[in-house]
Protein backbone atom coordinates (compact mmCIF):
# COMPACT_ATOMS: atom_id res chain seq x y z
CA MET A 1 115.17 132.84 -23.10
CA ASN A 2 118.35 132.17 -21.13
CA LEU A 3 116.97 131.69 -17.59
CA ASP A 4 114.85 129.24 -15.73
CA ARG A 5 111.20 129.84 -16.62
CA ARG A 6 110.11 129.70 -12.97
CA HIS A 7 112.20 132.80 -12.35
CA PHE A 8 109.95 134.75 -14.69
CA ALA A 9 106.86 133.76 -12.80
CA GLY A 10 108.55 135.35 -9.87
CA LEU A 11 109.39 138.40 -11.94
CA MET A 12 105.77 138.95 -12.86
CA ALA A 13 104.63 138.51 -9.27
CA GLY A 14 107.23 141.05 -8.20
CA ALA A 15 108.82 138.50 -5.92
CA LEU A 16 111.78 136.21 -5.77
CA GLY A 17 112.52 133.84 -8.58
CA GLY A 18 111.37 130.26 -8.30
CA SER A 19 114.15 127.71 -8.21
CA ALA A 20 117.59 127.26 -6.73
CA LEU A 21 118.94 127.38 -10.24
CA SER A 22 117.41 130.76 -10.93
CA LEU A 23 118.93 134.15 -10.35
CA ARG A 24 116.98 135.90 -7.58
CA HIS A 25 116.17 139.60 -7.57
CA HIS A 26 114.15 141.83 -5.28
CA LEU A 27 111.82 143.64 -7.59
CA PRO A 28 109.92 146.90 -6.92
CA PRO A 29 106.22 146.47 -6.14
CA ALA A 30 103.84 146.91 -9.06
CA ALA A 31 100.21 147.71 -9.35
CA PRO A 32 99.08 145.83 -12.45
CA VAL A 33 96.55 147.46 -14.71
CA ALA A 34 95.52 143.94 -15.85
CA ASP A 35 92.95 142.70 -13.32
CA PRO A 36 93.06 138.88 -13.10
CA CYS A 37 89.41 138.89 -12.01
CA HIS A 38 88.31 141.09 -14.88
CA PRO A 39 90.63 140.59 -17.85
CA ASP A 40 90.29 142.70 -20.96
CA PRO A 41 87.40 141.51 -23.17
CA ALA A 42 89.88 140.46 -25.85
CA VAL A 43 91.55 138.16 -23.29
CA ALA A 44 88.27 137.02 -21.71
CA ALA A 45 86.93 135.89 -25.10
CA LEU A 46 89.77 133.41 -25.69
CA LYS A 47 89.13 129.67 -25.68
CA SER A 48 91.41 126.78 -24.86
CA MET A 49 93.42 125.39 -27.74
CA THR A 50 94.50 122.18 -26.01
CA GLY A 51 91.39 119.97 -26.61
CA ASP A 52 93.29 117.97 -29.23
CA ALA A 53 96.56 117.71 -27.29
CA VAL A 54 97.58 114.06 -26.92
CA PRO A 55 99.61 113.04 -23.82
CA ILE A 56 102.63 110.88 -24.09
CA GLY A 57 101.54 107.24 -23.87
CA ASP A 58 102.84 104.35 -21.82
CA ASP A 59 104.30 102.57 -24.83
CA GLU A 60 106.51 105.56 -25.59
CA ARG A 61 107.68 105.70 -21.93
CA LYS A 62 108.58 102.05 -22.00
CA SER A 63 110.61 102.66 -25.21
CA ARG A 64 112.37 105.49 -23.46
CA MET A 65 113.44 103.15 -20.62
CA ALA A 66 114.63 100.57 -23.17
CA ARG A 67 116.72 103.21 -24.91
CA ALA A 68 118.14 104.33 -21.56
CA GLN A 69 119.12 100.72 -20.78
CA LYS A 70 120.77 100.40 -24.16
CA LEU A 71 122.73 103.58 -23.63
CA MET A 72 123.79 102.38 -20.19
CA VAL A 73 125.24 99.19 -21.66
CA GLU A 74 127.06 101.19 -24.35
CA ASN A 75 128.54 103.53 -21.75
CA GLY A 76 129.40 100.89 -19.14
CA ILE A 77 126.89 102.20 -16.64
CA GLY A 78 125.13 99.59 -14.55
CA ALA A 79 122.15 101.71 -13.39
CA LEU A 80 120.58 105.10 -13.40
CA MET A 81 119.49 106.85 -10.20
CA PHE A 82 117.00 109.79 -10.31
CA GLU A 83 114.79 111.69 -7.93
CA PRO A 84 111.38 113.27 -8.65
CA GLY A 85 111.69 115.90 -11.37
CA THR A 86 111.76 116.11 -15.11
CA THR A 87 113.71 112.86 -15.70
CA MET A 88 111.45 110.80 -13.46
CA THR A 89 108.39 112.27 -15.25
CA TYR A 90 110.01 111.64 -18.62
CA PHE A 91 110.43 107.92 -17.93
CA THR A 92 107.44 107.21 -15.61
CA GLY A 93 104.74 109.84 -16.33
CA PRO A 94 103.22 112.89 -14.70
CA GLY A 95 101.56 110.86 -11.99
CA MET A 96 104.98 110.35 -10.49
CA ARG A 97 105.50 114.03 -9.67
CA PHE A 98 106.49 114.31 -5.99
CA GLY A 99 108.13 117.09 -4.03
CA VAL A 100 111.67 116.64 -2.84
CA SER A 101 112.62 116.94 0.84
CA GLU A 102 115.13 115.55 3.24
CA ARG A 103 113.34 112.18 2.84
CA PRO A 104 114.62 110.72 -0.42
CA ILE A 105 112.32 109.25 -3.09
CA VAL A 106 114.49 107.63 -5.72
CA GLY A 107 114.02 105.64 -8.92
CA VAL A 108 116.60 103.08 -9.88
CA LEU A 109 116.65 101.91 -13.52
CA PRO A 110 119.21 99.18 -14.04
CA ALA A 111 120.88 98.46 -17.33
CA LYS A 112 119.45 94.92 -17.06
CA GLY A 113 116.39 94.17 -15.01
CA GLU A 114 113.30 95.90 -13.68
CA LEU A 115 112.83 99.44 -12.55
CA ALA A 116 112.63 99.87 -8.78
CA TYR A 117 111.65 102.66 -6.42
CA VAL A 118 112.55 103.71 -2.89
CA CYS A 119 110.28 105.84 -0.70
CA PRO A 120 109.55 106.50 2.99
CA ALA A 121 107.48 103.71 4.52
CA PHE A 122 104.65 106.11 5.61
CA GLU A 123 104.30 107.18 1.98
CA GLU A 124 104.10 103.61 0.63
CA ALA A 125 100.38 103.45 0.18
CA ARG A 126 100.15 106.81 -1.59
CA PHE A 127 103.18 105.88 -3.71
CA ARG A 128 101.68 102.58 -4.80
CA GLU A 129 98.57 104.34 -6.01
CA ARG A 130 100.68 106.32 -8.48
CA ALA A 131 103.67 104.06 -9.31
CA LYS A 132 103.94 102.86 -12.90
CA PHE A 133 106.01 100.24 -14.71
CA SER A 134 107.13 98.49 -11.48
CA GLN A 135 105.72 97.38 -8.10
CA ASP A 136 109.22 96.79 -6.76
CA ILE A 137 108.81 99.57 -4.20
CA ARG A 138 111.14 99.37 -1.21
CA VAL A 139 110.60 101.43 1.91
CA TRP A 140 112.61 102.69 4.87
CA GLN A 141 111.39 103.72 8.31
CA GLU A 142 112.23 107.06 9.80
CA ASP A 143 115.04 105.62 11.95
CA GLU A 144 116.51 103.61 8.99
CA SER A 145 118.89 104.55 6.15
CA PRO A 146 117.29 105.01 2.69
CA TYR A 147 120.76 104.71 1.22
CA LYS A 148 121.19 101.14 2.38
CA VAL A 149 117.84 100.34 0.75
CA ILE A 150 119.02 101.87 -2.57
CA ALA A 151 122.30 99.98 -2.22
CA GLY A 152 120.25 96.80 -1.71
CA ILE A 153 118.45 97.35 -4.99
CA LEU A 154 121.72 97.86 -6.83
CA LYS A 155 123.13 94.65 -5.28
CA ASP A 156 119.96 92.70 -6.24
CA ARG A 157 120.41 93.92 -9.82
CA GLY A 158 123.96 92.58 -9.87
CA LEU A 159 125.74 95.80 -9.01
CA SER A 160 128.14 95.26 -6.14
CA ALA A 161 130.85 97.06 -8.09
CA GLY A 162 131.01 99.15 -11.29
CA LYS A 163 129.51 102.45 -12.39
CA VAL A 164 126.16 103.94 -11.36
CA GLY A 165 124.84 106.96 -13.29
CA VAL A 166 123.56 109.92 -11.24
CA GLU A 167 121.00 112.11 -12.95
CA GLU A 168 122.25 115.71 -13.06
CA ARG A 169 119.68 117.07 -10.58
CA LEU A 170 119.88 114.27 -8.04
CA ARG A 171 121.06 115.97 -4.87
CA PHE A 172 124.55 115.54 -3.59
CA PHE A 173 123.58 114.24 -0.17
CA VAL A 174 121.58 111.43 -1.77
CA ALA A 175 124.40 110.32 -4.02
CA GLU A 176 126.88 110.59 -1.19
CA GLY A 177 124.69 108.57 1.11
CA VAL A 178 124.43 105.72 -1.43
CA ARG A 179 128.25 105.97 -2.06
CA GLN A 180 128.89 105.46 1.63
CA ALA A 181 126.40 102.53 1.75
CA ALA A 182 128.04 100.91 -1.33
CA PRO A 183 131.73 102.02 -1.31
CA ALA A 184 132.69 99.57 -4.07
CA LEU A 185 130.56 101.41 -6.58
CA THR A 186 131.71 104.34 -8.74
CA PHE A 187 129.26 107.15 -9.31
CA VAL A 188 129.32 109.09 -12.60
CA LEU A 189 127.21 111.77 -14.27
CA ALA A 190 124.47 110.13 -16.20
CA ASP A 191 124.26 112.67 -19.06
CA PRO A 192 125.19 110.11 -21.73
CA VAL A 193 121.96 108.32 -20.76
CA THR A 194 119.57 111.09 -19.82
CA ALA A 195 120.68 113.51 -22.52
CA GLY A 196 121.04 110.60 -24.90
CA CYS A 197 117.31 110.01 -24.46
CA ARG A 198 115.76 113.43 -23.80
CA MET A 199 117.78 115.37 -26.44
CA TYR A 200 115.97 113.67 -29.35
CA LYS A 201 112.21 114.40 -29.48
CA SER A 202 109.60 112.00 -30.83
CA PRO A 203 106.74 113.11 -33.08
CA ALA A 204 104.43 113.07 -29.98
CA GLU A 205 106.81 115.42 -28.12
CA LEU A 206 107.12 117.75 -31.08
CA ALA A 207 103.35 117.93 -31.38
CA LEU A 208 103.10 119.12 -27.73
CA MET A 209 105.88 121.69 -28.22
CA GLN A 210 104.07 122.90 -31.37
CA LYS A 211 100.83 123.33 -29.39
CA ALA A 212 102.65 125.30 -26.61
CA THR A 213 104.20 127.51 -29.35
CA ASP A 214 100.81 128.10 -31.09
CA ILE A 215 99.34 129.17 -27.77
CA THR A 216 102.17 131.61 -27.09
CA ILE A 217 101.92 133.20 -30.51
CA ALA A 218 98.11 133.45 -30.28
CA ALA A 219 98.48 135.21 -26.90
CA LEU A 220 101.07 137.68 -28.33
CA LYS A 221 98.60 138.52 -31.06
CA VAL A 222 96.21 139.64 -28.31
CA THR A 223 98.78 141.31 -26.11
CA PHE A 224 100.48 143.65 -28.61
CA PRO A 225 97.29 145.51 -29.65
CA LEU A 226 96.49 146.13 -25.96
CA LEU A 227 99.70 148.10 -25.24
CA LYS A 228 98.88 151.56 -23.80
CA GLU A 229 100.90 154.56 -22.84
CA GLY A 230 102.05 154.33 -19.19
CA MET A 231 101.83 150.56 -18.84
CA SER A 232 104.51 148.94 -16.70
CA GLN A 233 106.40 145.79 -17.56
CA TYR A 234 104.18 143.96 -15.11
CA ASP A 235 101.00 145.17 -16.69
CA ILE A 236 102.07 143.89 -20.08
CA GLY A 237 103.25 140.61 -18.58
CA ALA A 238 100.00 140.07 -16.81
CA ILE A 239 97.98 140.41 -20.05
CA GLN A 240 100.27 137.96 -21.83
CA SER A 241 100.11 135.50 -19.00
CA GLN A 242 96.30 135.71 -18.73
CA ALA A 243 95.97 135.19 -22.45
CA MET A 244 98.13 132.08 -22.46
CA GLU A 245 96.18 130.66 -19.49
CA LYS A 246 92.90 131.27 -21.24
CA LEU A 247 94.22 129.50 -24.33
CA GLY A 248 95.18 126.42 -22.22
CA GLY A 249 98.84 127.11 -21.47
CA GLU A 250 100.25 125.95 -18.16
CA ASP A 251 103.26 127.22 -16.15
CA THR A 252 103.10 130.52 -18.00
CA TRP A 253 105.94 133.02 -17.68
CA VAL A 254 106.70 136.44 -19.21
CA LEU A 255 109.65 138.80 -19.19
CA VAL A 256 109.17 142.33 -20.54
CA GLY A 257 111.75 144.98 -21.22
CA LEU A 258 110.83 148.52 -22.13
CA GLY A 259 113.02 151.21 -23.65
CA ALA A 260 116.64 151.11 -22.30
CA SER A 261 115.72 148.14 -20.06
CA SER A 262 115.25 146.00 -23.17
CA ALA A 263 119.07 145.83 -23.45
CA PHE A 264 119.28 143.71 -20.35
CA PRO A 265 118.92 140.12 -21.57
CA HIS A 266 116.78 139.13 -18.56
CA GLY A 267 115.22 142.44 -17.68
CA SER A 268 115.97 145.25 -15.28
CA VAL A 269 114.96 145.76 -11.64
CA LYS A 270 114.07 149.34 -12.46
CA PRO A 271 110.39 150.31 -12.67
CA GLN A 272 109.47 150.86 -16.31
CA GLN A 273 106.63 152.72 -18.05
CA LEU A 274 105.77 152.52 -21.68
CA HIS A 275 106.09 155.63 -23.77
CA GLU A 276 105.78 156.54 -27.43
CA GLY A 277 108.81 155.35 -29.38
CA ASP A 278 109.99 152.79 -26.81
CA ILE A 279 111.32 149.41 -27.81
CA VAL A 280 109.09 146.66 -26.33
CA LEU A 281 110.71 143.21 -25.85
CA ILE A 282 108.48 140.37 -24.68
CA ASP A 283 110.14 136.99 -23.87
CA THR A 284 107.45 134.44 -22.99
CA GLY A 285 106.27 130.85 -23.02
CA CYS A 286 104.11 128.19 -21.47
CA ALA A 287 103.77 124.42 -21.25
CA VAL A 288 101.30 121.91 -22.71
CA LEU A 289 101.28 118.54 -21.00
CA GLY A 290 104.75 119.22 -19.73
CA TYR A 291 106.38 120.50 -22.94
CA GLN A 292 107.64 124.07 -23.28
CA SER A 293 107.56 126.99 -25.65
CA ASP A 294 109.96 129.96 -25.67
CA ILE A 295 109.46 132.95 -27.89
CA THR A 296 110.72 136.52 -27.92
CA ARG A 297 109.31 139.36 -29.98
CA THR A 298 110.70 142.93 -30.17
CA THR A 299 108.81 145.91 -31.62
CA VAL A 300 108.39 149.59 -31.08
CA PHE A 301 105.40 151.32 -29.41
CA GLY A 302 104.57 153.82 -32.07
CA LYS A 303 106.65 154.56 -35.10
CA PRO A 304 110.14 153.03 -35.14
CA ASN A 305 113.03 155.32 -35.94
CA ALA A 306 115.86 154.59 -38.31
CA ARG A 307 118.27 153.33 -35.64
CA GLN A 308 115.68 150.92 -34.18
CA THR A 309 114.83 149.59 -37.60
CA GLU A 310 118.49 149.13 -38.56
CA ILE A 311 119.30 147.15 -35.43
CA TRP A 312 116.07 145.09 -35.67
CA ASN A 313 116.96 144.15 -39.26
CA LEU A 314 120.51 143.25 -38.24
CA GLU A 315 119.08 140.94 -35.49
CA GLN A 316 116.87 139.29 -38.05
CA ARG A 317 119.86 138.58 -40.30
CA ALA A 318 121.77 137.05 -37.36
CA GLN A 319 118.83 134.83 -36.55
CA ASP A 320 118.61 133.77 -40.22
CA ALA A 321 122.31 132.94 -40.25
CA ALA A 322 121.91 130.72 -37.23
CA PHE A 323 118.96 128.90 -38.76
CA LYS A 324 120.78 128.31 -42.01
CA ALA A 325 123.85 126.97 -40.13
CA ALA A 326 121.77 124.50 -38.07
CA GLN A 327 122.17 121.64 -40.52
CA ILE A 328 122.45 117.92 -39.82
CA GLY A 329 126.10 117.04 -39.04
CA ALA A 330 127.18 120.59 -38.26
CA THR A 331 128.47 121.33 -34.82
CA CYS A 332 126.38 123.28 -32.38
CA GLY A 333 129.20 125.69 -31.96
CA SER A 334 129.17 126.58 -35.61
CA VAL A 335 125.63 127.87 -35.30
CA ASP A 336 126.75 130.38 -32.72
CA ASP A 337 129.69 131.29 -34.88
CA ALA A 338 127.37 132.06 -37.80
CA ALA A 339 125.07 134.34 -35.92
CA ARG A 340 127.87 136.06 -34.08
CA LYS A 341 129.74 136.81 -37.35
CA VAL A 342 126.80 138.76 -38.70
CA ILE A 343 126.74 140.91 -35.61
CA THR A 344 130.46 141.49 -35.31
CA ASP A 345 130.74 142.19 -39.04
CA ALA A 346 128.34 145.08 -38.47
CA GLY A 347 130.80 146.58 -35.93
CA PHE A 348 129.48 145.19 -32.66
CA GLY A 349 131.34 143.08 -30.10
CA PRO A 350 133.58 141.30 -30.69
CA ASP A 351 133.00 138.10 -28.74
CA TYR A 352 130.60 138.70 -25.87
CA LYS A 353 131.27 142.44 -25.58
CA VAL A 354 128.43 144.84 -25.42
CA PRO A 355 127.24 146.55 -27.59
CA GLY A 356 126.85 143.17 -29.20
CA LEU A 357 125.65 139.63 -28.47
CA PRO A 358 126.38 138.94 -24.79
CA HIS A 359 125.17 135.34 -24.55
CA ARG A 360 124.99 132.09 -26.53
CA THR A 361 122.83 131.97 -29.61
CA GLY A 362 120.50 129.26 -28.30
CA HIS A 363 119.70 126.48 -25.88
CA GLY A 364 118.08 123.04 -26.03
CA ILE A 365 114.40 122.89 -25.07
CA GLY A 366 111.83 120.21 -24.41
CA MET A 367 110.28 119.30 -21.12
CA ASP A 368 112.57 121.85 -19.49
CA GLY A 369 112.83 125.36 -20.86
CA HIS A 370 116.58 124.81 -20.96
CA GLU A 371 118.03 121.37 -21.55
CA TRP A 372 120.75 119.71 -23.70
CA THR A 373 122.46 120.99 -25.80
CA ASN A 374 123.43 124.58 -26.60
CA PHE A 375 124.25 126.71 -29.67
CA VAL A 376 127.40 128.03 -27.92
CA ARG A 377 130.92 128.64 -29.09
CA GLY A 378 133.12 125.57 -29.08
CA ASN A 379 130.31 123.02 -28.57
CA PRO A 380 131.37 120.04 -30.67
CA ALA A 381 128.02 118.20 -30.40
CA LYS A 382 126.70 117.33 -33.88
CA ILE A 383 123.25 118.41 -34.90
CA ALA A 384 120.92 115.46 -35.59
CA PRO A 385 117.23 114.86 -36.30
CA GLY A 386 114.93 115.22 -33.30
CA MET A 387 117.03 117.93 -31.55
CA CYS A 388 115.24 121.15 -30.54
CA PHE A 389 116.81 124.51 -29.94
CA SER A 390 116.00 128.21 -29.45
CA ASP A 391 117.47 130.55 -32.06
CA GLU A 392 117.91 133.86 -30.24
CA PRO A 393 120.97 135.95 -30.90
CA MET A 394 120.52 139.34 -29.31
CA ILE A 395 121.94 142.78 -29.90
CA ALA A 396 122.26 144.57 -26.58
CA ILE A 397 123.15 148.28 -26.50
CA TYR A 398 123.22 149.40 -22.87
CA GLY A 399 121.81 152.78 -22.24
CA GLU A 400 119.84 152.67 -25.50
CA PHE A 401 117.86 149.48 -26.15
CA GLY A 402 118.11 145.80 -27.11
CA VAL A 403 116.61 143.61 -29.78
CA ARG A 404 116.06 139.92 -29.49
CA LEU A 405 114.09 137.69 -31.84
CA GLU A 406 113.65 134.18 -30.57
CA ASP A 407 112.00 131.22 -32.30
CA CYS A 408 112.57 127.61 -31.43
CA LEU A 409 113.40 125.07 -34.15
CA TYR A 410 113.57 121.34 -34.50
CA ILE A 411 115.77 119.25 -36.77
CA THR A 412 113.92 117.17 -39.33
CA GLU A 413 115.50 114.67 -41.68
CA ASN A 414 115.80 117.49 -44.16
CA GLY A 415 117.20 120.09 -41.79
CA PRO A 416 115.86 122.79 -39.44
CA LYS A 417 112.27 123.87 -39.21
CA PHE A 418 110.80 126.61 -36.96
CA PHE A 419 107.89 125.90 -34.64
CA SER A 420 106.68 129.48 -34.96
CA PRO A 421 105.96 131.95 -37.80
CA ARG A 422 108.68 134.56 -37.52
CA SER A 423 108.39 138.34 -37.23
CA GLU A 424 108.13 140.05 -40.55
CA ALA A 425 109.40 143.49 -39.53
CA VAL A 426 110.01 145.74 -36.54
CA ASP A 427 106.39 147.02 -36.79
CA LYS A 428 104.95 143.53 -37.42
CA PRO A 429 106.06 141.50 -34.39
CA VAL A 430 103.52 138.66 -34.92
């Protein structure tokens, strides 16, 4: 997948995509065949697979904060500021999920010293019920400046001057407010700290990603046999989403491309109906205890023709080349180069031209469907154990069809390993 997962929830609802980072499309209304109240018996019979899923423990979260503090010292950053979102959850746990509004809630993790929080005064009691790892919770009244309160924390932690790291999704008005309240400080992007922690997954994180992947594959095994002539992309997506939910997946999303629409990497706004001989592309995933899966399978409804089989096999070779290139110490850019070479050597492209591979070969994945770093041309980042990526080169042929095979991999001490069993052939998607 190469788009925010919340967008796809919007796609399947036939509405606008979810987040400000997503592309937003007005989609035609759909009348799903899949009834959420009366799912197909094959879906209704599914049972949750998450009974043995183990949440991330407090000791691991403490070790994350300790690593962040070490990275801050190494990078000359005196503190990290973050708002509610993935990074706050990563360090402090799912109980600290709050909505964001014009009233800032901010965590401040200093390079040396105790974590502190800032929240509106009227939220203090609720906040204290949920706060972890610190009871240094400072509040501001409605007629007061939250930015002066944040600046006070920084001063108390010994930061009257120097660099403060701003988490990438902290909103500009919050950072600017603190800058005006503490003009002697310099504000820098905190990626060396946040990416330096989140990019490398622990065994506990990998186990949750594996569970999310297992659920997604199990749902696909139910969805593909239920394909019927005349189904829309929404009908198919609804079945897949229902199946993942029955299996215990959360935050499910599905993108479906049929026939010529499968050539569009993130789908087409055109209404689609499934017919004999059509390519079927399903890009889908879910979360388990906050950790994501992302899988794409492409097949043909009916008997594949020679052209479809040829392109599918070429796509598989490109995915293979990326996997083989994803070795410890190699650059992330070299993985994209390896996959792209297979496709261009076959006469497609070159570069990002269509027919060919119009996007990067893969993206980082973890708590967010897309996070650091990417298999993209020119990326000098070195591959190391604990990193997780999608491997998804695509062959897009506008006006005809597209083929994408996507499996996520993680880097072990011995090299790359896929989370998912891969497609065997164009007529054996799972």
